C-alpha atoms as a PDB file:
ATOM      1  CA  UNK A   1     103.715 103.484 117.945  1.00  0.00           C
ATOM      2  CA  UNK A   2     100.723 102.741 120.056  1.00  0.00           C
ATOM      3  CA  UNK A   3      98.106 105.573 119.939  1.00  0.00           C
ATOM      4  CA  UNK A   4      99.329 106.864 123.031  1.00  0.00           C
ATOM      5  CA  UNK A   5     102.719 106.962 121.341  1.00  0.00           C
ATOM      6  CA  UNK A   6     104.197 110.821 120.831  1.00  0.00           C
ATOM      7  CA  UNK A   7     106.784 112.403 118.749  1.00  0.00           C
ATOM      8  CA  UNK A   8     108.712 114.856 119.460  1.00  0.00           C
ATOM      9  CA  UNK A   9     109.934 118.029 117.697  1.00  0.00           C
ATOM     10  CA  UNK A  10     113.578 117.036 116.762  1.00  0.00           C
ATOM     11  CA  UNK A  11     112.514 113.798 116.220  1.00  0.00           C
ATOM     12  CA  UNK A  12     110.191 114.778 113.729  1.00  0.00           C
ATOM     13  CA  UNK A  13     112.123 117.185 112.048  1.00  0.00           C
ATOM     14  CA  UNK A  14     114.587 114.205 111.451  1.00  0.00           C
ATOM     15  CA  UNK A  15     112.434 112.144 110.155  1.00  0.00           C
ATOM     16  CA  UNK A  16     110.880 114.368 107.736  1.00  0.00           C
ATOM     17  CA  UNK A  17     112.954 117.587 107.356  1.00  0.00           C
ATOM     18  CA  UNK A  18     110.839 119.681 108.434  1.00  0.00           C
ATOM     19  CA  UNK A  19     111.194 123.395 109.377  1.00  0.00           C
ATOM     20  CA  UNK A  20     110.214 124.451 112.835  1.00  0.00           C
ATOM     21  CA  UNK A  21     108.637 127.663 110.963  1.00  0.00           C
ATOM     22  CA  UNK A  22     106.442 125.312 109.757  1.00  0.00           C
ATOM     23  CA  UNK A  23     105.253 122.927 111.879  1.00  0.00           C
ATOM     24  CA  UNK A  24     104.832 126.001 114.527  1.00  0.00           C
ATOM     25  CA  UNK A  25     102.225 127.651 111.326  1.00  0.00           C
ATOM     26  CA  UNK A  26     100.537 124.620 111.265  1.00  0.00           C
ATOM     27  CA  UNK A  27     100.606 123.962 115.225  1.00  0.00           C
ATOM     28  CA  UNK A  28      98.869 127.815 115.803  1.00  0.00           C
ATOM     29  CA  UNK A  29      96.960 126.876 112.715  1.00  0.00           C
ATOM     30  CA  UNK A  30      95.332 124.067 114.491  1.00  0.00           C
ATOM     31  CA  UNK A  31      95.825 121.290 111.855  1.00  0.00           C
ATOM     32  CA  UNK A  32      98.524 119.397 114.041  1.00  0.00           C
ATOM     33  CA  UNK A  33      97.483 119.271 117.830  1.00  0.00           C
ATOM     34  CA  UNK A  34     100.637 118.000 119.735  1.00  0.00           C
ATOM     35  CA  UNK A  35     100.123 117.129 123.233  1.00  0.00           C
ATOM     36  CA  UNK A  36     102.489 118.548 125.680  1.00  0.00           C
ATOM     37  CA  UNK A  37     105.131 116.610 127.267  1.00  0.00           C
ATOM     38  CA  UNK A  38     107.334 117.877 130.286  1.00  0.00           C
ATOM     39  CA  UNK A  39     108.543 120.973 130.090  1.00  0.00           C
ATOM     40  CA  UNK A  40     105.729 121.919 127.522  1.00  0.00           C
ATOM     41  CA  UNK A  41     107.715 120.053 125.037  1.00  0.00           C
ATOM     42  CA  UNK A  42     105.454 119.134 121.819  1.00  0.00           C
ATOM     43  CA  UNK A  43     104.822 115.562 121.346  1.00  0.00           C
ATOM     44  CA  UNK A  44     103.227 114.291 118.238  1.00  0.00           C
ATOM     45  CA  UNK A  45     100.709 111.903 116.784  1.00  0.00           C
ATOM     46  CA  UNK A  46     101.132 109.956 113.549  1.00  0.00           C
ATOM     47  CA  UNK A  47      98.121 112.079 112.216  1.00  0.00           C
ATOM     48  CA  UNK A  48     100.205 114.836 112.622  1.00  0.00           C
ATOM     49  CA  UNK A  49     103.277 113.340 110.829  1.00  0.00           C
ATOM     50  CA  UNK A  50     100.813 112.855 107.794  1.00  0.00           C
ATOM     51  CA  UNK A  51      99.873 116.163 107.760  1.00  0.00           C
ATOM     52  CA  UNK A  52     103.792 117.455 108.508  1.00  0.00           C
ATOM     53  CA  UNK A  53     104.879 115.617 106.024  1.00  0.00           C
ATOM     54  CA  UNK A  54     102.494 116.879 103.420  1.00  0.00           C
ATOM     55  CA  UNK A  55     103.728 120.343 104.402  1.00  0.00           C
ATOM     56  CA  UNK A  56     107.096 119.272 104.260  1.00  0.00           C
ATOM     57  CA  UNK A  57     106.243 117.972 100.531  1.00  0.00           C
ATOM     58  CA  UNK A  58     104.655 121.200  98.945  1.00  0.00           C
ATOM     59  CA  UNK A  59     107.890 123.059 100.330  1.00  0.00           C
ATOM     60  CA  UNK A  60     109.925 120.870  98.462  1.00  0.00           C
ATOM     61  CA  UNK A  61     107.855 121.692  95.343  1.00  0.00           C
ATOM     62  CA  UNK A  62     108.927 125.608  96.016  1.00  0.00           C
ATOM     63  CA  UNK A  63     105.573 126.299  97.632  1.00  0.00           C
ATOM     64  CA  UNK A  64     106.123 129.213 100.512  1.00  0.00           C
ATOM     65  CA  UNK A  65     105.639 128.260 104.446  1.00  0.00           C
ATOM     66  CA  UNK A  66     102.874 130.829 104.304  1.00  0.00           C
ATOM     67  CA  UNK A  67     101.083 129.877 101.220  1.00  0.00           C
ATOM     68  CA  UNK A  68     101.327 126.341 102.535  1.00  0.00           C
ATOM     69  CA  UNK A  69      99.715 127.514 105.833  1.00  0.00           C
ATOM     70  CA  UNK A  70      97.357 130.023 103.721  1.00  0.00           C
ATOM     71  CA  UNK A  71      95.733 127.057 101.939  1.00  0.00           C
ATOM     72  CA  UNK A  72      95.226 124.368 104.265  1.00  0.00           C
ATOM     73  CA  UNK A  73      93.657 127.083 106.315  1.00  0.00           C
ATOM     74  CA  UNK A  74      91.414 127.363 103.475  1.00  0.00           C
ATOM     75  CA  UNK A  75      90.736 124.061 103.061  1.00  0.00           C
ATOM     76  CA  UNK A  76      89.409 123.319 106.725  1.00  0.00           C
ATOM     77  CA  UNK A  77      87.792 126.441 106.525  1.00  0.00           C
ATOM     78  CA  UNK A  78      85.582 124.786 103.584  1.00  0.00           C
ATOM     79  CA  UNK A  79      85.688 120.821 104.755  1.00  0.00           C
ATOM     80  CA  UNK A  80      83.020 119.173 107.029  1.00  0.00           C
ATOM     81  CA  UNK A  81      84.490 119.659 110.147  1.00  0.00           C
ATOM     82  CA  UNK A  82      83.535 115.460 110.517  1.00  0.00           C
ATOM     83  CA  UNK A  83      85.704 114.639 107.297  1.00  0.00           C
ATOM     84  CA  UNK A  84      89.581 113.510 108.468  1.00  0.00           C
ATOM     85  CA  UNK A  85      91.891 115.858 106.538  1.00  0.00           C
ATOM     86  CA  UNK A  86      94.114 112.999 106.132  1.00  0.00           C
ATOM     87  CA  UNK A  87      92.231 111.055 104.587  1.00  0.00           C
ATOM     88  CA  UNK A  88      92.630 113.857 100.882  1.00  0.00           C
ATOM     89  CA  UNK A  89      95.479 113.861  98.196  1.00  0.00           C
ATOM     90  CA  UNK A  90      96.952 117.697  99.146  1.00  0.00           C
ATOM     91  CA  UNK A  91     100.307 118.526  96.840  1.00  0.00           C
ATOM     92  CA  UNK A  92     101.855 121.275  94.816  1.00  0.00           C
ATOM     93  CA  UNK A  93     100.199 122.195  91.629  1.00  0.00           C
ATOM     94  CA  UNK A  94     102.827 124.413  89.793  1.00  0.00           C
ATOM     95  CA  UNK A  95     102.919 127.406  92.501  1.00  0.00           C
ATOM     96  CA  UNK A  96      99.563 126.660  94.159  1.00  0.00           C
ATOM     97  CA  UNK A  97      97.909 124.258  96.610  1.00  0.00           C
ATOM     98  CA  UNK A  98      96.287 120.909  94.897  1.00  0.00           C
ATOM     99  CA  UNK A  99      93.598 118.677  96.167  1.00  0.00           C
ATOM    100  CA  UNK A 100      92.102 115.102  95.761  1.00  0.00           C
ATOM    101  CA  UNK A 101      89.818 113.718  96.784  1.00  0.00           C
ATOM    102  CA  UNK A 102      85.673 112.077  95.625  1.00  0.00           C
ATOM    103  CA  UNK A 103      84.691 115.232  94.101  1.00  0.00           C
ATOM    104  CA  UNK A 104      87.452 115.752  91.806  1.00  0.00           C
ATOM    105  CA  UNK A 105      90.597 118.081  92.256  1.00  0.00           C
ATOM    106  CA  UNK A 106      90.403 121.549  93.172  1.00  0.00           C
ATOM    107  CA  UNK A 107      92.654 124.466  94.213  1.00  0.00           C
ATOM    108  CA  UNK A 108      92.967 125.015  97.992  1.00  0.00           C
ATOM    109  CA  UNK A 109      93.697 128.865  97.886  1.00  0.00           C
ATOM    110  CA  UNK A 110      90.385 129.390  96.082  1.00  0.00           C
ATOM    111  CA  UNK A 111      88.295 126.030  95.064  1.00  0.00           C
ATOM    112  CA  UNK A 112      88.528 126.254  91.726  1.00  0.00           C
ATOM    113  CA  UNK A 113      88.417 122.833  89.797  1.00  0.00           C
ATOM    114  CA  UNK A 114      91.619 121.710  88.689  1.00  0.00           C
ATOM    115  CA  UNK A 115      92.660 118.978  85.867  1.00  0.00           C
ATOM    116  CA  UNK A 116      96.181 117.928  86.212  1.00  0.00           C
ATOM    117  CA  UNK A 117      98.301 117.658  89.053  1.00  0.00           C
ATOM    118  CA  UNK A 118     100.651 115.684  91.246  1.00  0.00           C
ATOM    119  CA  UNK A 119      98.926 112.857  93.406  1.00  0.00           C
ATOM    120  CA  UNK A 120     100.336 112.090  96.318  1.00  0.00           C
ATOM    121  CA  UNK A 121     102.240 110.006  97.300  1.00  0.00           C
ATOM    122  CA  UNK A 122     103.892 110.711  93.923  1.00  0.00           C
ATOM    123  CA  UNK A 123     104.543 107.933  91.293  1.00  0.00           C
ATOM    124  CA  UNK A 124     108.785 107.606  90.721  1.00  0.00           C
ATOM    125  CA  UNK A 125     108.726 109.479  86.401  1.00  0.00           C
ATOM    126  CA  UNK A 126     111.628 108.376  85.406  1.00  0.00           C
ATOM    127  CA  UNK A 127     112.087 111.575  82.879  1.00  0.00           C
ATOM    128  CA  UNK A 128     111.548 113.379  85.908  1.00  0.00           C
ATOM    129  CA  UNK A 129     114.673 112.352  88.032  1.00  0.00           C
ATOM    130  CA  UNK A 130     116.769 111.255  85.172  1.00  0.00           C
ATOM    131  CA  UNK A 131     117.628 107.860  85.895  1.00  0.00           C
ATOM    132  CA  UNK A 132     117.882 104.340  83.573  1.00  0.00           C
ATOM    133  CA  UNK A 133     117.138 101.280  85.134  1.00  0.00           C
ATOM    134  CA  UNK A 134     121.034  99.105  84.721  1.00  0.00           C
ATOM    135  CA  UNK A 135     118.755  97.015  82.506  1.00  0.00           C
ATOM    136  CA  UNK A 136     120.002  96.837  78.850  1.00  0.00           C
ATOM    137  CA  UNK A 137     117.209  97.609  76.388  1.00  0.00           C
ATOM    138  CA  UNK A 138     117.131  97.758  72.272  1.00  0.00           C
ATOM    139  CA  UNK A 139     118.269 101.334  70.925  1.00  0.00           C
ATOM    140  CA  UNK A 140     114.905 100.912  69.029  1.00  0.00           C
ATOM    141  CA  UNK A 141     113.395 101.280  72.181  1.00  0.00           C
ATOM    142  CA  UNK A 142     114.970 104.005  73.817  1.00  0.00           C
ATOM    143  CA  UNK A 143     114.810 106.345  70.920  1.00  0.00           C
ATOM    144  CA  UNK A 144     111.130 106.180  71.297  1.00  0.00           C
ATOM    145  CA  UNK A 145     111.528 106.506  74.707  1.00  0.00           C
ATOM    146  CA  UNK A 146     113.789 109.596  74.389  1.00  0.00           C
ATOM    147  CA  UNK A 147     111.498 110.836  71.672  1.00  0.00           C
ATOM    148  CA  UNK A 148     108.040 110.267  74.659  1.00  0.00           C
ATOM    149  CA  UNK A 149     110.016 112.110  77.430  1.00  0.00           C
ATOM    150  CA  UNK A 150     110.368 115.142  74.871  1.00  0.00           C
ATOM    151  CA  UNK A 151     107.415 115.053  74.044  1.00  0.00           C
ATOM    152  CA  UNK A 152     105.992 114.826  77.504  1.00  0.00           C
ATOM    153  CA  UNK A 153     107.891 117.933  78.320  1.00  0.00           C
ATOM    154  CA  UNK A 154     106.320 119.947  75.860  1.00  0.00           C
ATOM    155  CA  UNK A 155     103.362 118.754  76.633  1.00  0.00           C
ATOM    156  CA  UNK A 156     102.597 116.454  73.517  1.00  0.00           C
ATOM    157  CA  UNK A 157     100.855 114.228  76.010  1.00  0.00           C
ATOM    158  CA  UNK A 158      98.731 112.281  73.340  1.00  0.00           C
ATOM    159  CA  UNK A 159     102.569 111.904  71.329  1.00  0.00           C
ATOM    160  CA  UNK A 160     104.094 110.753  74.329  1.00  0.00           C
ATOM    161  CA  UNK A 161     101.826 108.507  75.046  1.00  0.00           C
ATOM    162  CA  UNK A 162     101.824 106.948  71.305  1.00  0.00           C
ATOM    163  CA  UNK A 163     105.644 106.552  72.092  1.00  0.00           C
ATOM    164  CA  UNK A 164     105.757 105.042  75.530  1.00  0.00           C
ATOM    165  CA  UNK A 165     103.875 102.457  74.149  1.00  0.00           C
ATOM    166  CA  UNK A 166     106.150 102.058  70.995  1.00  0.00           C
ATOM    167  CA  UNK A 167     109.029 101.924  73.501  1.00  0.00           C
ATOM    168  CA  UNK A 168     106.928  99.243  75.318  1.00  0.00           C
ATOM    169  CA  UNK A 169     106.325  97.213  72.262  1.00  0.00           C
ATOM    170  CA  UNK A 170     109.905  97.479  71.026  1.00  0.00           C
ATOM    171  CA  UNK A 171     111.642  95.837  74.610  1.00  0.00           C
ATOM    172  CA  UNK A 172     108.673  94.727  77.297  1.00  0.00           C
ATOM    173  CA  UNK A 173     110.929  94.783  79.772  1.00  0.00           C
ATOM    174  CA  UNK A 174     111.946  98.355  79.483  1.00  0.00           C
ATOM    175  CA  UNK A 175     110.763  99.427  83.166  1.00  0.00           C
ATOM    176  CA  UNK A 176     111.419 102.974  82.686  1.00  0.00           C
ATOM    177  CA  UNK A 177     108.865 103.455  79.595  1.00  0.00           C
ATOM    178  CA  UNK A 178     106.170 101.568  82.066  1.00  0.00           C
ATOM    179  CA  UNK A 179     107.277 104.024  84.701  1.00  0.00           C
ATOM    180  CA  UNK A 180     106.548 106.996  82.841  1.00  0.00           C
ATOM    181  CA  UNK A 181     103.524 106.018  81.240  1.00  0.00           C
ATOM    182  CA  UNK A 182     101.762 104.844  83.934  1.00  0.00           C
ATOM    183  CA  UNK A 183     102.529 108.154  85.376  1.00  0.00           C
ATOM    184  CA  UNK A 184     101.418 109.801  82.598  1.00  0.00           C
ATOM    185  CA  UNK A 185      98.085 108.418  82.352  1.00  0.00           C
ATOM    186  CA  UNK A 186      97.614 108.434  86.360  1.00  0.00           C
ATOM    187  CA  UNK A 187      98.597 112.642  85.999  1.00  0.00           C
ATOM    188  CA  UNK A 188      95.998 112.393  83.314  1.00  0.00           C
ATOM    189  CA  UNK A 189      93.143 110.648  85.543  1.00  0.00           C
ATOM    190  CA  UNK A 190      93.381 107.383  84.328  1.00  0.00           C
ATOM    191  CA  UNK A 191      93.805 105.663  86.988  1.00  0.00           C
ATOM    192  CA  UNK A 192      92.390 102.479  85.856  1.00  0.00           C
ATOM    193  CA  UNK A 193      94.957 102.407  82.635  1.00  0.00           C
ATOM    194  CA  UNK A 194      97.256 103.216  84.663  1.00  0.00           C
ATOM    195  CA  UNK A 195      96.519 100.258  87.398  1.00  0.00           C
ATOM    196  CA  UNK A 196      96.472  97.907  84.507  1.00  0.00           C
ATOM    197  CA  UNK A 197      99.672  98.945  82.400  1.00  0.00           C
ATOM    198  CA  UNK A 198     101.983  98.475  85.663  1.00  0.00           C
ATOM    199  CA  UNK A 199      99.758  94.956  86.234  1.00  0.00           C
ATOM    200  CA  UNK A 200     101.074  93.854  82.778  1.00  0.00           C
ATOM    201  CA  UNK A 201     104.819  95.652  83.845  1.00  0.00           C
ATOM    202  CA  UNK A 202     104.954  93.637  86.762  1.00  0.00           C
ATOM    203  CA  UNK A 203     103.924  90.483  85.323  1.00  0.00           C
ATOM    204  CA  UNK A 204     106.875  91.365  82.516  1.00  0.00           C
ATOM    205  CA  UNK A 205     109.486  92.171  85.504  1.00  0.00           C
ATOM    206  CA  UNK A 206     108.763  90.623  88.602  1.00  0.00           C
ATOM    207  CA  UNK A 207     111.269  91.797  90.637  1.00  0.00           C
ATOM    208  CA  UNK A 208     110.790  95.753  90.164  1.00  0.00           C
ATOM    209  CA  UNK A 209     110.046  96.670  93.621  1.00  0.00           C
ATOM    210  CA  UNK A 210     110.005 100.147  92.101  1.00  0.00           C
ATOM    211  CA  UNK A 211     106.787  99.239  89.742  1.00  0.00           C
ATOM    212  CA  UNK A 212     105.257  97.523  92.139  1.00  0.00           C
ATOM    213  CA  UNK A 213     105.410 100.964  94.367  1.00  0.00           C
ATOM    214  CA  UNK A 214     103.670 102.881  91.047  1.00  0.00           C
ATOM    215  CA  UNK A 215     100.996 100.051  91.406  1.00  0.00           C
ATOM    216  CA  UNK A 216     100.586 100.740  94.506  1.00  0.00           C
ATOM    217  CA  UNK A 217      99.937 104.252  93.855  1.00  0.00           C
ATOM    218  CA  UNK A 218      97.699 103.746  91.147  1.00  0.00           C
ATOM    219  CA  UNK A 219      95.343 101.654  93.451  1.00  0.00           C
ATOM    220  CA  UNK A 220      95.317 104.369  95.576  1.00  0.00           C
ATOM    221  CA  UNK A 221      94.124 107.182  93.231  1.00  0.00           C
ATOM    222  CA  UNK A 222      91.557 104.135  91.494  1.00  0.00           C
ATOM    223  CA  UNK A 223      90.394 103.514  95.392  1.00  0.00           C
ATOM    224  CA  UNK A 224      91.556 101.101  96.067  1.00  0.00           C
ATOM    225  CA  UNK A 225      93.328 100.478  98.799  1.00  0.00           C
ATOM    226  CA  UNK A 226      93.601  97.398  99.845  1.00  0.00           C
ATOM    227  CA  UNK A 227      94.791  96.466  97.013  1.00  0.00           C
ATOM    228  CA  UNK A 228      97.446  98.814  96.864  1.00  0.00           C
ATOM    229  CA  UNK A 229      98.337  97.509 100.196  1.00  0.00           C
ATOM    230  CA  UNK A 230      99.510  94.017  98.823  1.00  0.00           C
ATOM    231  CA  UNK A 231     101.174  96.626  96.036  1.00  0.00           C
ATOM    232  CA  UNK A 232     103.322  98.145  98.571  1.00  0.00           C
ATOM    233  CA  UNK A 233     104.352  94.513 100.625  1.00  0.00           C
ATOM    234  CA  UNK A 234     105.188  93.098  97.318  1.00  0.00           C
ATOM    235  CA  UNK A 235     107.446  96.009  97.059  1.00  0.00           C
ATOM    236  CA  UNK A 236     108.401  95.761 100.235  1.00  0.00           C
ATOM    237  CA  UNK A 237     109.580  91.837  99.751  1.00  0.00           C
ATOM    238  CA  UNK A 238     111.364  92.924  96.680  1.00  0.00           C
ATOM    239  CA  UNK A 239     113.184  96.004  98.532  1.00  0.00           C
ATOM    240  CA  UNK A 240     112.926  95.781 102.504  1.00  0.00           C
ATOM    241  CA  UNK A 241     114.319  99.713 102.844  1.00  0.00           C
ATOM    242  CA  UNK A 242     111.828 101.350 100.628  1.00  0.00           C
ATOM    243  CA  UNK A 243     110.766 103.951 103.169  1.00  0.00           C
ATOM    244  CA  UNK A 244     107.796 105.228 101.266  1.00  0.00           C
ATOM    245  CA  UNK A 245     106.686 102.147 100.576  1.00  0.00           C
ATOM    246  CA  UNK A 246     106.846 101.411 104.407  1.00  0.00           C
ATOM    247  CA  UNK A 247     104.438 105.259 105.018  1.00  0.00           C
ATOM    248  CA  UNK A 248     102.394 105.272 102.290  1.00  0.00           C
ATOM    249  CA  UNK A 249     101.029 101.077 104.304  1.00  0.00           C
ATOM    250  CA  UNK A 250     101.500 102.730 107.557  1.00  0.00           C
ATOM    251  CA  UNK A 251      98.792 105.464 106.089  1.00  0.00           C
ATOM    252  CA  UNK A 252      96.707 103.300 104.490  1.00  0.00           C
ATOM    253  CA  UNK A 253      96.323 100.722 107.450  1.00  0.00           C
ATOM    254  CA  UNK A 254      95.641 104.144 110.190  1.00  0.00           C
ATOM    255  CA  UNK A 255      93.033 105.172 107.518  1.00  0.00           C
ATOM    256  CA  UNK A 256      91.516 101.666 107.999  1.00  0.00           C
ATOM    257  CA  UNK A 257      91.845 101.674 111.872  1.00  0.00           C
ATOM    258  CA  UNK A 258      94.037  98.782 111.820  1.00  0.00           C
ATOM    259  CA  UNK A 259      96.562 100.723 114.001  1.00  0.00           C
ATOM    260  CA  UNK A 260      98.928  97.889 115.098  1.00  0.00           C
ATOM    261  CA  UNK A 261     100.236  97.278 111.130  1.00  0.00           C
ATOM    262  CA  UNK A 262     100.673 101.303 110.787  1.00  0.00           C
ATOM    263  CA  UNK A 263     102.986 101.147 113.787  1.00  0.00           C
ATOM    264  CA  UNK A 264     105.006  98.579 112.270  1.00  0.00           C
ATOM    265  CA  UNK A 265     105.447 100.532 108.758  1.00  0.00           C
ATOM    266  CA  UNK A 266     105.703 103.869 110.317  1.00  0.00           C
ATOM    267  CA  UNK A 267     108.295 102.467 112.973  1.00  0.00           C
ATOM    268  CA  UNK A 268     110.237 100.915 109.925  1.00  0.00           C
ATOM    269  CA  UNK A 269     110.170 104.069 108.076  1.00  0.00           C
ATOM    270  CA  UNK A 270     111.201 106.161 110.735  1.00  0.00           C
ATOM    271  CA  UNK A 271     114.002 103.964 111.033  1.00  0.00           C
ATOM    272  CA  UNK A 272     114.967 104.021 107.813  1.00  0.00           C
ATOM    273  CA  UNK A 273     114.891 108.049 108.135  1.00  0.00           C
ATOM    274  CA  UNK A 274     116.789 108.162 110.736  1.00  0.00           C
ATOM    275  CA  UNK A 275     120.123 110.320 110.626  1.00  0.00           C
ATOM    276  CA  UNK A 276     123.742 107.748 109.867  1.00  0.00           C
END
């Protein structure tokens, strides 16, 4: 994609699964500003796609379209006009829309500071997606892991963290324990700790593409964009069809003004998300 290249409405809907209703409301609100092509067809830029993908992630999290638009309207009305909305992180926190920037975490609807919410792009937490790595682990590690996941679901986060550490100490190759613990640390705002954990994990399990992806997310949260790109690059080396790693890479390159790199990764993301 070049600065002049644009994507049609149906291309965006196919790539992201965003409804025409949400897109139309975001256009009406001025959050995305597509050009008009032949026949007055909307043509979207890369930055438009980033905003639309954010809206889609909120919709998937159960936020109603009207609330998404209202939250973004409030965000834009209180945001400095020279600040790019694509440079912040927007995601769902329960039934609310949360924002993460250098000033902290706060609710887009009413500006109240928040404590915890899912970062965007979200790290992959195994307990939340009910998946375990195929690599066998010891019974002790597995017992500790299940205990930790249950404690986390009950909101007993300190105890959950301890149990995840026990699982890792029992089996240093236990990928899923690293994934869950790293996400827990990120959720609690301990990004440097998560980076350190994932750094140990990729040394213990060098072929784990998902670990490199989560390392990239943690590095982004720690505002280490160049290092995050390196982690996403390693993830892609291990798993070339890891679509979200391409999208995150494209977004960072765009933020850094590295257009050609953003083009390459975004086009790859688009190819991977085409209908079969």
